[in-house]
Amino acid sequence: MKAVPFKKLGPGLLFAGAAIGVSHLVQSTRAGADFGFGLLWALFLVNIIKYPFFQMGPRYASVTGKSLLDGYYKLGKPVLWVYFFLTLGTMFTIQTAVTIVTAGIAVQLFGISNDIAVWSVAITLLCAAILAIGKYRILDKLMKVIIITLTISTLFAVFFAFRESVTNQGTGTTTDLIQLLPTDGAAIAFLIAFMGWMPAPLDISIWHSLWTLEKRDKGEEAVRNSIFDFNVGYAGAVVLGVCFMTLGALVMYGSGETFSSKGGIFAGQLINMYTASLGTWATVLIGIAAFTTMFSTTLTTLDASPRALEATTRLLGIGFKKKGYLFWLFVLILGTCVILFFLISEMGVLVKLATILSFLTAPFYAICNYLAFRDKEIPEAYRLSLGMRVLSIVSIIALVGFSIWYVITLFWSLA
């Protein structure tokens, strides 16, 4: 098979940049810290379950020349309206959450100011300037540098953590590969949240389809390139998920440390615990790995939500016909700043609501993506194979089952 040039990669790396964020740095690290390698099965299982629906984003765009939002529109306007309100209901909180974590790491890494709000606004405005001036082209180029930096620094961190663990095997703290199935309410709730956000919420498949259109490749080669590009980004997200779980297991498991739910404090705990175990030399390495992880997420989410809303409102026949992207970018920045300065005390509740909503809507996106590929206008050669159809149906059943399990767990915890 002919190799795909590096310059052809792009949307898949943007997917990786959006996916490798809170789910990896926070959730995967906490999974390793609390359970060792005990939830490794969950990480691999959920990535297999979500794979076909994430792949449908770039695949649909490269085959039809349209985004998944056009496929949703064909399913009926109510479907697109549901997506519109779901996005409005979650994008401000998610953007604020990832920005705060990025700002917290920046405070630890650069130390210019300890004000999380100031750092958050500065990072938001920097990302907005990058997107407003360079748009997709600079986002594409910059993300390649960020993902390479992130991957190298994380792999180095894992290598040194493993070496340190081997050196200190006689200390009494050990980790093994015994897999665990949580039984208490809090642990089950964490497991469901972990699987819901690993590697990312399913609506990112829509973002990926929009980024694929920006790449502007056409023809049969475009389909092959888009799937290869996606597989590279997806594999990278899985590998780095394992890496962050490994770091948590090797460095933090059994330490007894309790993580703070506040982004800034969590960032400090994360870096300090690594440096306490590996040495002060690791501060910069861990800091760069953590910062590039969250900066890539902040940048891609700031681009994706306005891009998706611009396309959605255009299909629905509402909003601005021109400059819609810049309008929604401004709205997202404004809403993020309002939360930062006026609702920051309610951030924990807002994030929890956004997390629950994103998780419970996973079956909605999975079903819509699957139905979009049943469109008779899609050439037979590009439709889903029998294996992909079977995996999709089994995965939809699994996602519905996980959602029901989550609701039952939540109900019993509140009762």
Protein backbone atom coordinates (compact mmCIF):
# COMPACT_ATOMS: atom_id res chain seq x y z
CA MET A 1 0.00 0.00 0.00
CA LYS A 2 1.27 3.44 -0.90
CA ALA A 3 2.42 5.44 2.13
CA VAL A 4 0.49 8.56 3.07
CA PRO A 5 2.77 11.66 3.21
CA PHE A 6 3.13 13.41 6.55
CA LYS A 7 1.73 16.60 5.06
CA LYS A 8 -1.52 14.74 4.34
CA LEU A 9 -2.04 14.26 8.06
CA GLY A 10 -4.13 16.93 9.71
CA PRO A 11 -7.75 16.35 10.81
CA GLY A 12 -6.72 13.15 12.61
CA LEU A 13 -4.15 15.08 14.63
CA LEU A 14 -6.76 17.73 15.40
CA PHE A 15 -8.98 14.92 16.64
CA ALA A 16 -6.13 13.70 18.83
CA GLY A 17 -5.54 17.23 20.11
CA ALA A 18 -9.21 17.60 21.06
CA ALA A 19 -9.43 14.12 22.57
CA ILE A 20 -6.20 14.13 24.56
CA GLY A 21 -7.21 16.50 27.33
CA VAL A 22 -9.20 16.06 30.51
CA SER A 23 -9.93 12.42 29.64
CA HIS A 24 -6.20 11.67 29.50
CA LEU A 25 -4.40 14.08 31.81
CA VAL A 26 -7.03 14.02 34.55
CA GLN A 27 -9.16 10.89 34.18
CA SER A 28 -6.49 8.44 32.97
CA THR A 29 -3.99 9.69 35.54
CA ARG A 30 -6.59 9.36 38.31
CA ALA A 31 -7.50 5.88 37.07
CA GLY A 32 -3.86 4.85 37.39
CA ALA A 33 -3.45 6.59 40.75
CA ASP A 34 -6.57 5.01 42.28
CA PHE A 35 -6.68 1.60 40.59
CA GLY A 36 -3.16 1.01 39.24
CA PHE A 37 -3.55 -0.84 35.94
CA GLY A 38 -6.88 -2.28 37.09
CA LEU A 39 -8.98 -0.27 34.62
CA LEU A 40 -6.83 -0.93 31.59
CA TRP A 41 -9.58 -3.22 30.29
CA ALA A 42 -12.05 -0.32 30.38
CA LEU A 43 -9.71 1.94 28.43
CA PHE A 44 -9.29 -0.56 25.60
CA LEU A 45 -12.95 -1.64 25.61
CA VAL A 46 -14.40 1.84 25.28
CA ASN A 47 -11.97 2.77 22.51
CA ILE A 48 -13.09 -0.30 20.56
CA ILE A 49 -16.77 0.53 21.17
CA LYS A 50 -16.43 4.14 20.02
CA TYR A 51 -14.07 3.49 17.10
CA PRO A 52 -16.65 3.01 14.31
CA PHE A 53 -18.60 6.16 15.20
CA PHE A 54 -15.50 8.34 15.38
CA GLN A 55 -14.29 6.93 12.06
CA MET A 56 -17.62 7.80 10.45
CA GLY A 57 -16.84 11.53 10.79
CA PRO A 58 -13.90 11.80 8.38
CA ARG A 59 -15.21 8.90 6.30
CA TYR A 60 -18.57 10.57 5.66
CA ALA A 61 -16.93 13.89 4.82
CA SER A 62 -14.40 12.41 2.39
CA VAL A 63 -17.04 10.26 0.66
CA THR A 64 -19.85 12.82 0.34
CA GLY A 65 -17.98 16.13 0.42
CA LYS A 66 -20.31 17.17 3.25
CA SER A 67 -20.11 17.11 7.04
CA LEU A 68 -21.98 14.77 9.36
CA LEU A 69 -24.24 17.72 10.13
CA ASP A 70 -25.58 17.43 6.57
CA GLY A 71 -26.23 13.75 7.32
CA TYR A 72 -28.08 14.75 10.49
CA TYR A 73 -30.11 17.26 8.47
CA LYS A 74 -31.20 14.46 6.13
CA LEU A 75 -32.45 12.54 9.16
CA GLY A 76 -34.77 15.46 9.91
CA LYS A 77 -34.53 19.01 11.20
CA PRO A 78 -35.45 17.97 14.77
CA VAL A 79 -32.24 15.92 14.92
CA LEU A 80 -30.20 18.99 14.00
CA TRP A 81 -32.08 21.12 16.51
CA VAL A 82 -31.27 18.59 19.23
CA TYR A 83 -27.59 18.84 18.32
CA PHE A 84 -27.78 22.66 18.33
CA PHE A 85 -29.21 22.83 21.87
CA LEU A 86 -26.91 20.10 23.19
CA THR A 87 -23.90 22.05 21.92
CA LEU A 88 -25.17 25.30 23.43
CA GLY A 89 -25.77 23.50 26.71
CA THR A 90 -22.25 22.14 27.07
CA MET A 91 -19.74 24.19 25.07
CA PHE A 92 -19.26 27.07 27.55
CA THR A 93 -18.68 24.79 30.53
CA ILE A 94 -16.36 22.44 28.64
CA GLN A 95 -14.36 25.33 27.21
CA THR A 96 -14.02 26.92 30.64
CA ALA A 97 -13.03 23.63 32.26
CA VAL A 98 -10.23 22.81 29.81
CA THR A 99 -9.01 26.42 29.89
CA ILE A 100 -8.82 26.47 33.70
CA VAL A 101 -6.77 23.27 33.77
CA THR A 102 -4.47 24.70 31.06
CA ALA A 103 -4.12 27.91 33.07
CA GLY A 104 -3.36 25.98 36.25
CA ILE A 105 -0.52 24.15 34.52
CA ALA A 106 0.76 27.45 33.07
CA VAL A 107 0.92 28.90 36.60
CA GLN A 108 3.02 25.94 37.75
CA LEU A 109 5.21 25.95 34.65
CA PHE A 110 5.79 29.68 34.06
CA GLY A 111 5.00 31.28 37.43
CA ILE A 112 4.43 34.77 36.02
CA SER A 113 1.12 35.16 37.83
CA ASN A 114 -0.87 33.01 40.24
CA ASP A 115 -4.22 34.36 39.07
CA ILE A 116 -5.99 31.47 37.28
CA ALA A 117 -8.62 33.80 35.80
CA VAL A 118 -6.00 36.09 34.25
CA TRP A 119 -4.12 33.13 32.79
CA SER A 120 -7.38 31.64 31.49
CA VAL A 121 -8.35 34.85 29.69
CA ALA A 122 -4.83 35.23 28.27
CA ILE A 123 -4.82 31.65 26.94
CA THR A 124 -8.33 32.06 25.51
CA LEU A 125 -7.38 35.27 23.71
CA LEU A 126 -4.15 33.72 22.40
CA CYS A 127 -6.08 30.76 20.98
CA ALA A 128 -8.73 33.09 19.53
CA ALA A 129 -6.05 35.18 17.81
CA ILE A 130 -4.49 32.06 16.29
CA LEU A 131 -7.85 30.94 14.95
CA ALA A 132 -9.08 34.35 13.77
CA ILE A 133 -5.84 35.16 11.93
CA GLY A 134 -4.66 31.80 10.67
CA LYS A 135 -7.92 29.80 10.70
CA TYR A 136 -7.60 26.16 9.65
CA ARG A 137 -4.20 26.42 7.96
CA ILE A 138 -2.28 27.56 11.03
CA LEU A 139 -4.33 25.25 13.26
CA ASP A 140 -3.30 22.32 11.06
CA LYS A 141 0.40 23.20 11.13
CA LEU A 142 0.52 24.14 14.81
CA MET A 143 -1.24 20.96 15.93
CA LYS A 144 1.40 18.78 14.25
CA VAL A 145 4.09 20.48 16.36
CA ILE A 146 1.99 20.24 19.54
CA ILE A 147 1.12 16.56 19.11
CA ILE A 148 4.74 15.62 18.36
CA THR A 149 5.94 17.57 21.42
CA LEU A 150 3.21 16.02 23.57
CA THR A 151 4.00 12.48 22.43
CA ILE A 152 7.76 12.75 22.89
CA SER A 153 7.58 14.41 26.31
CA THR A 154 4.97 11.93 27.56
CA LEU A 155 6.93 8.89 26.34
CA PHE A 156 10.06 10.23 28.04
CA ALA A 157 8.10 10.73 31.25
CA VAL A 158 6.80 7.14 31.11
CA PHE A 159 10.32 5.81 30.45
CA PHE A 160 11.82 7.58 33.45
CA ALA A 161 8.86 6.69 35.69
CA PHE A 162 9.24 3.02 34.72
CA ARG A 163 12.99 3.13 35.35
CA GLU A 164 12.42 4.72 38.74
CA SER A 165 9.77 2.09 39.57
CA VAL A 166 12.17 -0.75 38.69
CA THR A 167 14.88 0.86 40.83
CA ASN A 168 12.53 1.15 43.82
CA GLN A 169 10.88 -2.26 43.61
CA GLY A 170 11.95 -3.05 47.16
CA THR A 171 9.97 -0.19 48.71
CA GLY A 172 6.81 -2.28 49.09
CA THR A 173 4.62 -0.33 46.65
CA THR A 174 3.82 -2.51 43.66
CA THR A 175 1.50 -2.44 40.70
CA ASP A 176 0.36 -5.36 38.61
CA LEU A 177 -1.90 -6.07 35.66
CA ILE A 178 -4.76 -7.62 37.65
CA GLN A 179 -7.98 -6.15 36.22
CA LEU A 180 -10.70 -4.79 38.49
CA LEU A 181 -14.44 -4.25 38.28
CA PRO A 182 -15.46 -1.54 40.79
CA THR A 183 -18.35 -2.45 43.08
CA ASP A 184 -19.00 0.58 45.29
CA GLY A 185 -21.05 3.52 44.05
CA ALA A 186 -18.29 6.12 43.87
CA ALA A 187 -15.92 3.81 42.00
CA ILE A 188 -18.63 2.77 39.53
CA ALA A 189 -19.50 6.43 38.92
CA PHE A 190 -15.84 7.15 38.19
CA LEU A 191 -15.64 4.15 35.84
CA ILE A 192 -18.66 5.32 33.84
CA ALA A 193 -17.33 8.88 33.65
CA PHE A 194 -13.92 7.55 32.63
CA MET A 195 -15.39 5.44 29.83
CA GLY A 196 -17.73 8.23 28.78
CA TRP A 197 -14.88 10.67 28.23
CA MET A 198 -12.32 8.21 26.84
CA PRO A 199 -10.96 9.06 24.36
CA ALA A 200 -13.55 11.87 23.97
CA PRO A 201 -17.31 12.56 23.77
CA LEU A 202 -18.79 11.24 20.52
CA ASP A 203 -19.81 14.65 19.18
CA ILE A 204 -16.15 15.18 18.27
CA SER A 205 -16.89 12.96 15.25
CA ILE A 206 -18.86 15.93 13.89
CA TRP A 207 -15.92 18.25 14.48
CA HIS A 208 -13.67 15.77 12.68
CA SER A 209 -15.94 15.75 9.63
CA LEU A 210 -15.77 19.56 9.47
CA TRP A 211 -11.97 19.55 9.75
CA THR A 212 -11.81 16.93 6.99
CA LEU A 213 -13.75 19.25 4.68
CA GLU A 214 -11.26 22.02 5.41
CA LYS A 215 -8.49 19.73 4.16
CA ARG A 216 -10.25 19.86 0.78
CA ASP A 217 -8.97 16.53 -0.57
CA LYS A 218 -11.17 14.75 -3.12
CA GLY A 219 -11.55 11.39 -4.79
CA GLU A 220 -10.79 7.83 -3.80
CA GLU A 221 -7.36 8.78 -2.47
CA ALA A 222 -9.02 11.29 -0.15
CA VAL A 223 -11.06 8.50 1.47
CA ARG A 224 -7.96 6.38 1.97
CA ASN A 225 -5.98 9.33 3.33
CA SER A 226 -8.76 10.43 5.71
CA ILE A 227 -9.14 6.95 7.22
CA PHE A 228 -5.36 6.55 7.58
CA ASP A 229 -5.13 10.03 9.11
CA PHE A 230 -7.93 9.18 11.54
CA ASN A 231 -6.32 5.87 12.51
CA VAL A 232 -3.04 7.64 13.28
CA GLY A 233 -4.79 10.18 15.50
CA TYR A 234 -6.97 7.55 17.17
CA ALA A 235 -4.06 5.20 17.83
CA GLY A 236 -2.13 8.14 19.27
CA ALA A 237 -5.00 8.96 21.61
CA VAL A 238 -5.18 5.35 22.80
CA VAL A 239 -1.40 5.07 23.33
CA LEU A 240 -1.23 8.34 25.26
CA GLY A 241 -4.23 7.26 27.35
CA VAL A 242 -2.25 4.17 28.35
CA CYS A 243 0.80 6.37 29.00
CA PHE A 244 -1.02 8.68 31.42
CA MET A 245 -2.59 5.72 33.19
CA THR A 246 0.90 4.21 33.46
CA LEU A 247 2.27 7.44 34.93
CA GLY A 248 -0.51 7.51 37.49
CA ALA A 249 0.03 3.84 38.37
CA LEU A 250 3.82 4.02 38.62
CA VAL A 251 4.14 7.39 40.33
CA MET A 252 0.95 7.87 42.39
CA TYR A 253 -0.67 4.49 43.06
CA GLY A 254 -0.55 3.72 46.76
CA SER A 255 0.66 7.20 47.72
CA GLY A 256 -2.55 8.06 49.57
CA GLU A 257 -2.68 11.50 47.93
CA THR A 258 -6.15 12.92 47.29
CA PHE A 259 -6.60 15.00 44.17
CA SER A 260 -8.30 18.38 44.31
CA SER A 261 -11.28 19.01 42.02
CA LYS A 262 -9.97 22.53 41.31
CA GLY A 263 -7.97 22.84 38.10
CA GLY A 264 -5.17 25.00 39.43
CA ILE A 265 -4.61 22.95 42.58
CA PHE A 266 -4.84 19.70 40.63
CA ALA A 267 -2.16 20.90 38.21
CA GLY A 268 0.17 21.70 41.08
CA GLN A 269 -0.48 18.33 42.74
CA LEU A 270 0.12 16.51 39.48
CA ILE A 271 3.48 18.14 38.76
CA ASN A 272 4.64 18.08 42.40
CA MET A 273 3.89 14.39 42.81
CA TYR A 274 5.83 13.51 39.69
CA THR A 275 8.81 15.62 40.72
CA ALA A 276 8.72 14.22 44.26
CA SER A 277 9.01 10.72 42.85
CA LEU A 278 11.23 11.32 39.82
CA GLY A 279 13.22 14.34 40.98
CA THR A 280 13.06 18.09 40.39
CA TRP A 281 14.52 17.61 36.92
CA ALA A 282 11.13 16.22 35.87
CA THR A 283 9.31 19.51 36.49
CA VAL A 284 9.90 20.87 33.00
CA LEU A 285 9.30 17.51 31.29
CA ILE A 286 6.02 16.82 33.07
CA GLY A 287 5.02 20.47 32.77
CA ILE A 288 5.54 20.50 29.00
CA ALA A 289 3.67 17.21 28.58
CA ALA A 290 0.76 18.44 30.69
CA PHE A 291 0.65 21.94 29.19
CA THR A 292 0.78 20.78 25.55
CA THR A 293 -1.93 18.23 26.36
CA MET A 294 -4.34 20.86 27.65
CA PHE A 295 -3.34 23.67 25.29
CA SER A 296 -4.10 21.45 22.29
CA THR A 297 -7.53 20.69 23.76
CA THR A 298 -8.23 24.35 24.52
CA LEU A 299 -7.25 25.39 21.00
CA THR A 300 -9.18 22.70 19.14
CA THR A 301 -12.36 23.01 21.22
CA LEU A 302 -12.31 26.78 20.76
CA ASP A 303 -12.22 26.20 17.01
CA ALA A 304 -14.62 23.26 16.78
CA SER A 305 -17.73 24.50 18.59
CA PRO A 306 -18.02 27.77 16.58
CA ARG A 307 -17.28 25.85 13.37
CA ALA A 308 -20.03 23.32 14.16
CA LEU A 309 -22.57 25.96 15.19
CA GLU A 310 -21.88 27.99 12.06
CA ALA A 311 -22.59 24.93 9.91
CA THR A 312 -25.66 24.00 11.99
CA THR A 313 -27.30 27.43 11.83
CA ARG A 314 -26.59 27.63 8.11
CA LEU A 315 -28.40 24.33 7.52
CA LEU A 316 -31.29 25.42 9.76
CA GLY A 317 -31.55 28.74 7.93
CA ILE A 318 -30.91 30.89 10.99
CA GLY A 319 -28.09 33.17 12.11
CA PHE A 320 -25.47 34.93 10.02
CA LYS A 321 -24.89 33.93 6.39
CA LYS A 322 -21.40 35.44 6.54
CA LYS A 323 -18.87 35.60 9.36
CA GLY A 324 -20.88 33.03 11.29
CA TYR A 325 -17.70 31.35 12.52
CA LEU A 326 -16.34 34.60 13.99
CA PHE A 327 -19.72 35.34 15.58
CA TRP A 328 -19.88 32.01 17.40
CA LEU A 329 -16.20 32.30 18.30
CA PHE A 330 -16.97 35.64 19.98
CA VAL A 331 -20.02 34.14 21.74
CA LEU A 332 -17.94 31.23 23.06
CA ILE A 333 -15.19 33.55 24.31
CA LEU A 334 -17.72 35.84 25.97
CA GLY A 335 -19.55 32.96 27.65
CA THR A 336 -16.27 31.45 28.85
CA CYS A 337 -15.19 34.76 30.39
CA VAL A 338 -18.57 35.19 32.11
CA ILE A 339 -18.18 31.79 33.79
CA LEU A 340 -14.56 32.56 34.70
CA PHE A 341 -15.39 35.79 36.49
CA PHE A 342 -18.95 35.31 37.76
CA LEU A 343 -19.74 31.59 38.01
CA ILE A 344 -16.36 30.11 38.90
CA SER A 345 -17.67 29.00 42.33
CA GLU A 346 -20.25 26.82 40.53
CA MET A 347 -17.68 25.31 38.17
CA GLY A 348 -17.79 21.89 39.81
CA VAL A 349 -21.57 21.61 39.38
CA LEU A 350 -21.43 22.89 35.80
CA VAL A 351 -18.71 20.44 34.82
CA LYS A 352 -20.62 17.55 36.41
CA LEU A 353 -23.76 18.47 34.50
CA ALA A 354 -21.84 18.81 31.23
CA THR A 355 -20.13 15.47 31.84
CA ILE A 356 -23.42 13.69 32.52
CA LEU A 357 -25.09 15.28 29.50
CA SER A 358 -22.19 14.41 27.20
CA PHE A 359 -22.13 10.83 28.42
CA LEU A 360 -25.87 10.22 28.22
CA THR A 361 -26.04 11.61 24.68
CA ALA A 362 -23.37 9.20 23.37
CA PRO A 363 -26.04 6.75 22.09
CA PHE A 364 -27.74 9.64 20.25
CA TYR A 365 -24.58 10.48 18.31
CA ALA A 366 -23.77 6.82 17.70
CA ILE A 367 -27.22 6.09 16.25
CA CYS A 368 -27.24 9.26 14.12
CA ASN A 369 -23.78 8.54 12.71
CA TYR A 370 -24.81 4.99 11.87
CA LEU A 371 -28.06 6.08 10.21
CA ALA A 372 -26.21 8.76 8.21
CA PHE A 373 -24.24 5.99 6.53
CA ARG A 374 -27.43 4.22 5.47
CA ASP A 375 -28.10 7.07 3.05
CA LYS A 376 -28.75 5.56 -0.39
CA GLU A 377 -26.77 8.38 -2.03
CA ILE A 378 -23.55 6.95 -0.58
CA PRO A 379 -21.91 4.74 -3.23
CA GLU A 380 -21.97 1.03 -2.43
CA ALA A 381 -18.16 0.85 -2.44
CA TYR A 382 -17.95 3.36 0.43
CA ARG A 383 -20.69 2.01 2.68
CA LEU A 384 -19.92 0.26 5.94
CA SER A 385 -18.64 -3.28 5.65
CA LEU A 386 -20.52 -6.14 7.33
CA GLY A 387 -17.92 -6.19 10.11
CA MET A 388 -18.29 -2.46 10.74
CA ARG A 389 -22.09 -2.74 10.75
CA VAL A 390 -22.00 -5.55 13.29
CA LEU A 391 -19.48 -3.70 15.48
CA SER A 392 -21.61 -0.54 15.25
CA ILE A 393 -24.81 -2.29 16.35
CA VAL A 394 -23.06 -4.11 19.22
CA SER A 395 -21.42 -0.83 20.27
CA ILE A 396 -24.74 1.04 20.23
CA ILE A 397 -26.24 -1.61 22.50
CA ALA A 398 -23.19 -1.30 24.80
CA LEU A 399 -23.44 2.51 24.95
CA VAL A 400 -27.15 2.32 25.78
CA GLY A 401 -26.35 -0.24 28.47
CA PHE A 402 -23.63 1.93 30.00
CA SER A 403 -26.00 4.91 30.02
CA ILE A 404 -28.68 2.92 31.84
CA TRP A 405 -26.05 1.65 34.30
CA TYR A 406 -24.89 5.22 34.92
CA VAL A 407 -28.44 6.48 35.54
CA ILE A 408 -29.14 3.61 37.96
CA THR A 409 -25.85 4.24 39.79
CA LEU A 410 -26.59 7.96 40.01
CA PHE A 411 -30.11 7.30 41.26
CA TRP A 412 -28.95 4.97 44.03
CA SER A 413 -26.18 7.36 45.09
CA LEU A 414 -28.73 10.17 45.49
CA ALA A 415 -31.35 8.00 47.20
